[in-house]
Structures are given as C-alpha cells and as structure tokens.
C-alpha atoms as a PDB file:
ATOM      1  CA  MET A   1       2.231 -20.559 -25.191  1.00  0.00           C
ATOM      2  CA  SER A   2       3.316 -16.690 -24.044  1.00  0.00           C
ATOM      3  CA  ILE A   3       3.914 -17.300 -20.754  1.00  0.00           C
ATOM      4  CA  ASP A   4       6.041 -20.441 -21.392  1.00  0.00           C
ATOM      5  CA  ILE A   5       8.088 -17.295 -22.717  1.00  0.00           C
ATOM      6  CA  ALA A   6       7.941 -14.879 -20.289  1.00  0.00           C
ATOM      7  CA  ARG A   7       8.554 -18.161 -17.442  1.00  0.00           C
ATOM      8  CA  GLU A   8      11.957 -19.113 -19.507  1.00  0.00           C
ATOM      9  CA  HIS A   9      13.366 -15.032 -19.353  1.00  0.00           C
ATOM     10  CA  LEU A  10      12.727 -15.397 -15.333  1.00  0.00           C
ATOM     11  CA  ARG A  11      14.401 -18.432 -14.990  1.00  0.00           C
ATOM     12  CA  GLN A  12      17.471 -16.454 -16.974  1.00  0.00           C
ATOM     13  CA  TRP A  13      17.389 -14.422 -13.880  1.00  0.00           C
ATOM     14  CA  GLY A  14      16.411 -16.693 -11.277  1.00  0.00           C
ATOM     15  CA  LYS A  15      12.920 -15.156 -10.405  1.00  0.00           C
ATOM     16  CA  ASP A  16      10.678 -18.220 -12.533  1.00  0.00           C
ATOM     17  CA  ASP A  17       9.813 -19.706  -9.311  1.00  0.00           C
ATOM     18  CA  ARG A  18       8.239 -16.003  -8.461  1.00  0.00           C
ATOM     19  CA  ILE A  19       5.883 -16.648 -10.815  1.00  0.00           C
ATOM     20  CA  LEU A  20       2.110 -16.997  -9.618  1.00  0.00           C
ATOM     21  CA  GLU A  21      -0.459 -18.264 -11.661  1.00  0.00           C
ATOM     22  CA  PHE A  22      -4.526 -18.364 -10.913  1.00  0.00           C
ATOM     23  CA  PRO A  23      -7.645 -20.282 -11.591  1.00  0.00           C
ATOM     24  CA  THR A  24      -9.388 -16.890 -12.526  1.00  0.00           C
ATOM     25  CA  SER A  25      -8.437 -14.150 -15.131  1.00  0.00           C
ATOM     26  CA  SER A  26      -5.985 -11.451 -13.554  1.00  0.00           C
ATOM     27  CA  ALA A  27      -6.375  -9.251 -17.165  1.00  0.00           C
ATOM     28  CA  THR A  28      -6.996  -5.891 -15.780  1.00  0.00           C
ATOM     29  CA  VAL A  29      -5.724  -4.487 -12.157  1.00  0.00           C
ATOM     30  CA  GLU A  30      -8.692  -4.636 -10.100  1.00  0.00           C
ATOM     31  CA  MET A  31      -8.627  -8.003 -11.492  1.00  0.00           C
ATOM     32  CA  ALA A  32      -5.571  -8.828 -10.494  1.00  0.00           C
ATOM     33  CA  ALA A  33      -5.257  -6.735  -7.428  1.00  0.00           C
ATOM     34  CA  THR A  34      -8.260  -9.461  -6.149  1.00  0.00           C
ATOM     35  CA  ALA A  35      -6.340 -12.837  -7.786  1.00  0.00           C
ATOM     36  CA  VAL A  36      -3.376 -11.367  -5.846  1.00  0.00           C
ATOM     37  CA  GLY A  37      -4.599  -9.360  -2.764  1.00  0.00           C
ATOM     38  CA  THR A  38      -3.378  -7.107  -3.090  1.00  0.00           C
ATOM     39  CA  MET A  39      -4.172  -3.068  -3.428  1.00  0.00           C
ATOM     40  CA  PRO A  40      -4.535  -1.994  -7.310  1.00  0.00           C
ATOM     41  CA  ALA A  41      -1.692  -0.300  -7.175  1.00  0.00           C
ATOM     42  CA  ARG A  42       0.974  -2.839  -6.416  1.00  0.00           C
ATOM     43  CA  ILE A  43      -0.461  -4.400 -10.110  1.00  0.00           C
ATOM     44  CA  CYS A  44       2.224  -3.286 -12.651  1.00  0.00           C
ATOM     45  CA  LYS A  45       0.599  -2.616 -15.808  1.00  0.00           C
ATOM     46  CA  THR A  46       2.960  -2.632 -19.488  1.00  0.00           C
ATOM     47  CA  LEU A  47       1.274  -0.043 -21.793  1.00  0.00           C
ATOM     48  CA  ALA A  48       2.388  -0.665 -25.975  1.00  0.00           C
ATOM     49  CA  PHE A  49       2.292   2.390 -27.398  1.00  0.00           C
ATOM     50  CA  ARG A  50       3.254   3.216 -30.833  1.00  0.00           C
ATOM     51  CA  SER A  51       6.908   4.221 -31.840  1.00  0.00           C
ATOM     52  CA  GLU A  52       8.782   5.003 -35.285  1.00  0.00           C
ATOM     53  CA  GLY A  53       9.053   1.754 -36.391  1.00  0.00           C
ATOM     54  CA  GLY A  54       8.050   0.004 -33.647  1.00  0.00           C
ATOM     55  CA  CYS A  55       6.599   0.188 -30.227  1.00  0.00           C
ATOM     56  CA  VAL A  56       7.673   1.406 -26.725  1.00  0.00           C
ATOM     57  CA  LEU A  57       6.446  -0.564 -23.824  1.00  0.00           C
ATOM     58  CA  VAL A  58       5.756   1.646 -20.339  1.00  0.00           C
ATOM     59  CA  GLN A  59       5.650  -0.170 -17.390  1.00  0.00           C
ATOM     60  CA  THR A  60       3.693   1.784 -14.725  1.00  0.00           C
ATOM     61  CA  ALA A  61       1.844   1.615 -11.145  1.00  0.00           C
ATOM     62  CA  GLY A  62      -2.046   0.701 -11.198  1.00  0.00           C
ATOM     63  CA  ASP A  63      -2.995   3.375  -9.862  1.00  0.00           C
ATOM     64  CA  ALA A  64      -1.267   5.658 -12.632  1.00  0.00           C
ATOM     65  CA  MET A  65      -2.554   7.376 -15.806  1.00  0.00           C
ATOM     66  CA  ILE A  66      -0.817   8.486 -18.886  1.00  0.00           C
ATOM     67  CA  ASP A  67      -0.772  11.828 -18.907  1.00  0.00           C
ATOM     68  CA  ASN A  68       0.184  12.518 -22.531  1.00  0.00           C
ATOM     69  CA  GLY A  69       2.154  15.407 -22.064  1.00  0.00           C
ATOM     70  CA  LYS A  70       4.430  14.266 -20.110  1.00  0.00           C
ATOM     71  CA  PHE A  71       4.506  11.400 -22.778  1.00  0.00           C
ATOM     72  CA  LYS A  72       5.141  13.918 -25.923  1.00  0.00           C
ATOM     73  CA  SER A  73       7.533  15.696 -23.663  1.00  0.00           C
ATOM     74  CA  VAL A  74       9.375  12.538 -23.260  1.00  0.00           C
ATOM     75  CA  PHE A  75       9.512  10.867 -26.312  1.00  0.00           C
ATOM     76  CA  GLY A  76       8.388  13.673 -28.885  1.00  0.00           C
ATOM     77  CA  MET A  77       4.724  12.117 -30.169  1.00  0.00           C
ATOM     78  CA  LYS A  78       1.104  11.651 -29.327  1.00  0.00           C
ATOM     79  CA  ALA A  79       0.261   8.472 -26.772  1.00  0.00           C
ATOM     80  CA  ARG A  80      -1.387   6.356 -28.631  1.00  0.00           C
ATOM     81  CA  MET A  81      -1.794   2.539 -27.681  1.00  0.00           C
ATOM     82  CA  LEU A  82      -1.217  -0.243 -29.776  1.00  0.00           C
ATOM     83  CA  SER A  83      -4.409  -2.173 -30.922  1.00  0.00           C
ATOM     84  CA  PRO A  84      -4.647  -6.248 -29.124  1.00  0.00           C
ATOM     85  CA  ASP A  85      -3.387  -7.301 -32.694  1.00  0.00           C
ATOM     86  CA  GLU A  86      -0.554  -5.482 -33.072  1.00  0.00           C
ATOM     87  CA  THR A  87       0.078  -5.782 -28.824  1.00  0.00           C
ATOM     88  CA  LEU A  88       0.305  -9.028 -30.340  1.00  0.00           C
ATOM     89  CA  CYS A  89       2.809  -8.905 -32.701  1.00  0.00           C
ATOM     90  CA  HIS A  90       5.473  -6.212 -30.995  1.00  0.00           C
ATOM     91  CA  THR A  91       5.724  -8.456 -27.936  1.00  0.00           C
ATOM     92  CA  GLY A  92       4.093 -12.175 -28.504  1.00  0.00           C
ATOM     93  CA  HIS A  93       1.951 -11.322 -25.393  1.00  0.00           C
ATOM     94  CA  ARG A  94      -2.042 -10.900 -25.604  1.00  0.00           C
ATOM     95  CA  VAL A  95      -3.625  -8.270 -24.105  1.00  0.00           C
ATOM     96  CA  GLY A  96      -4.512  -9.004 -20.412  1.00  0.00           C
ATOM     97  CA  GLY A  97      -1.188 -11.031 -19.903  1.00  0.00           C
ATOM     98  CA  VAL A  98       1.480  -8.019 -22.006  1.00  0.00           C
ATOM     99  CA  CYS A  99       5.034  -8.201 -20.285  1.00  0.00           C
ATOM    100  CA  ALA A 100       8.168  -6.875 -21.337  1.00  0.00           C
ATOM    101  CA  PHE A 101       9.597 -11.167 -20.232  1.00  0.00           C
ATOM    102  CA  GLY A 102      11.210 -12.931 -23.218  1.00  0.00           C
ATOM    103  CA  ILE A 103      10.604 -10.140 -25.915  1.00  0.00           C
ATOM    104  CA  SER A 104      13.104 -10.752 -28.953  1.00  0.00           C
ATOM    105  CA  ARG A 105      11.744  -7.883 -31.461  1.00  0.00           C
ATOM    106  CA  ASP A 106      14.249  -4.931 -31.499  1.00  0.00           C
ATOM    107  CA  ASP A 107      11.956  -2.466 -32.418  1.00  0.00           C
ATOM    108  CA  VAL A 108      10.359  -3.036 -29.058  1.00  0.00           C
ATOM    109  CA  ARG A 109      11.557  -0.094 -26.339  1.00  0.00           C
ATOM    110  CA  VAL A 110      10.898  -0.403 -22.682  1.00  0.00           C
ATOM    111  CA  PHE A 111      10.517   2.147 -19.964  1.00  0.00           C
ATOM    112  CA  ALA A 112       9.855   2.896 -16.292  1.00  0.00           C
ATOM    113  CA  ASP A 113       7.607   4.848 -14.464  1.00  0.00           C
ATOM    114  CA  VAL A 114       8.082   6.257 -11.646  1.00  0.00           C
ATOM    115  CA  SER A 115       5.255   5.391  -9.918  1.00  0.00           C
ATOM    116  CA  LEU A 116       6.428   2.126  -9.281  1.00  0.00           C
ATOM    117  CA  LYS A 117       8.838   2.849  -6.984  1.00  0.00           C
ATOM    118  CA  ARG A 118       6.830   3.796  -4.255  1.00  0.00           C
ATOM    119  CA  PHE A 119       6.645  -0.070  -3.844  1.00  0.00           C
ATOM    120  CA  THR A 120       8.785  -2.264  -2.242  1.00  0.00           C
ATOM    121  CA  THR A 121       7.258  -5.356  -4.934  1.00  0.00           C
ATOM    122  CA  VAL A 122       5.217  -4.559  -7.650  1.00  0.00           C
ATOM    123  CA  PHE A 123       2.484  -7.360  -9.736  1.00  0.00           C
ATOM    124  CA  PRO A 124       3.886  -7.277 -13.368  1.00  0.00           C
ATOM    125  CA  ALA A 125       1.765  -9.463 -15.672  1.00  0.00           C
ATOM    126  CA  CYS A 126       3.672 -12.959 -16.663  1.00  0.00           C
ATOM    127  CA  GLY A 127       2.703 -14.017 -20.558  1.00  0.00           C
ATOM    128  CA  SER A 128      -1.402 -14.985 -19.702  1.00  0.00           C
ATOM    129  CA  ASP A 129      -4.618 -13.611 -18.374  1.00  0.00           C
ATOM    130  CA  ASN A 130      -3.905 -15.131 -15.335  1.00  0.00           C
ATOM    131  CA  SER A 131      -0.589 -14.935 -14.110  1.00  0.00           C
ATOM    132  CA  ALA A 132       1.710 -12.023 -12.512  1.00  0.00           C
ATOM    133  CA  VAL A 133       5.015 -12.283 -10.673  1.00  0.00           C
ATOM    134  CA  GLU A 134       6.406 -10.114  -7.605  1.00  0.00           C
ATOM    135  CA  LEU A 135       9.448  -7.948  -8.044  1.00  0.00           C
ATOM    136  CA  SER A 136      10.705  -5.726  -6.455  1.00  0.00           C
ATOM    137  CA  PRO A 137      10.873  -2.401  -8.870  1.00  0.00           C
ATOM    138  CA  MET A 138      14.870  -2.606  -9.856  1.00  0.00           C
ATOM    139  CA  GLU A 139      14.127  -6.385  -9.901  1.00  0.00           C
ATOM    140  CA  LEU A 140      11.977  -5.354 -12.631  1.00  0.00           C
ATOM    141  CA  PHE A 141      13.389  -2.637 -14.234  1.00  0.00           C
ATOM    142  CA  GLU A 142      16.495  -4.718 -15.180  1.00  0.00           C
ATOM    143  CA  ILE A 143      14.705  -7.717 -15.575  1.00  0.00           C
ATOM    144  CA  SER A 144      12.329  -6.144 -17.771  1.00  0.00           C
ATOM    145  CA  GLY A 145      15.666  -4.308 -20.014  1.00  0.00           C
ATOM    146  CA  ALA A 146      14.358  -0.869 -19.691  1.00  0.00           C
ATOM    147  CA  LEU A 147      16.254   1.775 -20.992  1.00  0.00           C
ATOM    148  CA  ARG A 148      15.636   4.634 -18.005  1.00  0.00           C
ATOM    149  CA  TRP A 149      13.111   5.141 -15.459  1.00  0.00           C
ATOM    150  CA  ILE A 150      10.450   8.380 -16.804  1.00  0.00           C
ATOM    151  CA  ASP A 151       7.851   9.860 -15.639  1.00  0.00           C
ATOM    152  CA  VAL A 152       4.892   9.892 -17.844  1.00  0.00           C
ATOM    153  CA  CYS A 153       2.058   9.522 -15.386  1.00  0.00           C
ATOM    154  CA  ARG A 154      -0.283  11.324 -13.679  1.00  0.00           C
ATOM    155  CA  ASP A 155      -3.419  10.894 -10.507  1.00  0.00           C
ATOM    156  CA  TRP A 156      -1.535   8.314  -9.001  1.00  0.00           C
ATOM    157  CA  ASP A 157      -1.592   8.277  -4.981  1.00  0.00           C
ATOM    158  CA  GLU A 158       2.429   9.722  -3.953  1.00  0.00           C
ATOM    159  CA  SER A 159       1.823   9.211  -0.788  1.00  0.00           C
ATOM    160  CA  LEU A 160       0.492   4.719  -0.836  1.00  0.00           C
ATOM    161  CA  CYS A 161       4.148   2.801  -0.307  1.00  0.00           C
ATOM    162  CA  VAL A 162       4.398  -0.603   0.426  1.00  0.00           C
END
C-alpha cells in the first residue's frame, strides 16, 4: 500500500508521527485544505511531468500554477504531465496521493518550487487520497530528496505568509 511506503520513508526521518489520515478524501487541493483545516495555498501539490527517460516531480504550493515559459527555461522542455497510469508507474502513488516519499526509481527527479517557502509549514499528500503530513518547507525539501529550489510557477499570492 502506497501510504505504507510513504510512512516507512518518513519513519527514517522520525516524521511518521506527523502523518494525518482523514475519514474523507483529500485528493484535491480544496479537499485537502478542508480536511486539514488550512488555506488551500498551504497544501503542497506534487505534480508529475514527463522528462527524457523518466519523470520530474515538482512540489508546489496549492495556489500556484505551472508557468510553461518558466518550466521550459528551467528544464529545457515543455511541461507535459504524466497520465494517472504513468504517474503510478513512476512514483508508486496514485493521483490524489502523489508525494515524493518512498520513491525508489532512479529516473525520478524531485524539485521544490519557491512558492512553498513563504509558509512555516505545508501539507503534502502522504501516499493516499486521504492523508497528509505537516512539514516545514526545508523539511519537505530534505525528506523528499529534492535536488534544488526552482521558480516555475505563477499566480501565487506572495503576500500570504503563515
């Protein structure tokens, strides 16, 4: 089960006790914000994109949208999201619970968008469509194995800081 893989990954960092499981779905930003009891911007979306020979995961704030020009500038390719089946194949997590925890494939590269840095803590999914974990952006960066901070998003509210 995907949440078990994520839980084991977080256990290695001593963070598995922070996992939140909900009786309702948290598969979308809005649903996750309601389940957690926070603003949608603090939900960390993990988006899966095609890359040559694998995929790129971009962790971004819930109110941010991928900017195609910025994405191409950073990655040298057009932003093309993986299908749900491809996402499951590459990450081991189904859409609605995609996270960068417990991924064992070498062809998956993880990045964190600067839109997350304005918050004290954020809530990425934790391998299922009814879970999340509360982490600081720096904890998320380290625990997810992110390679670097990037700026590939638009339309996020820079004035929101929590």
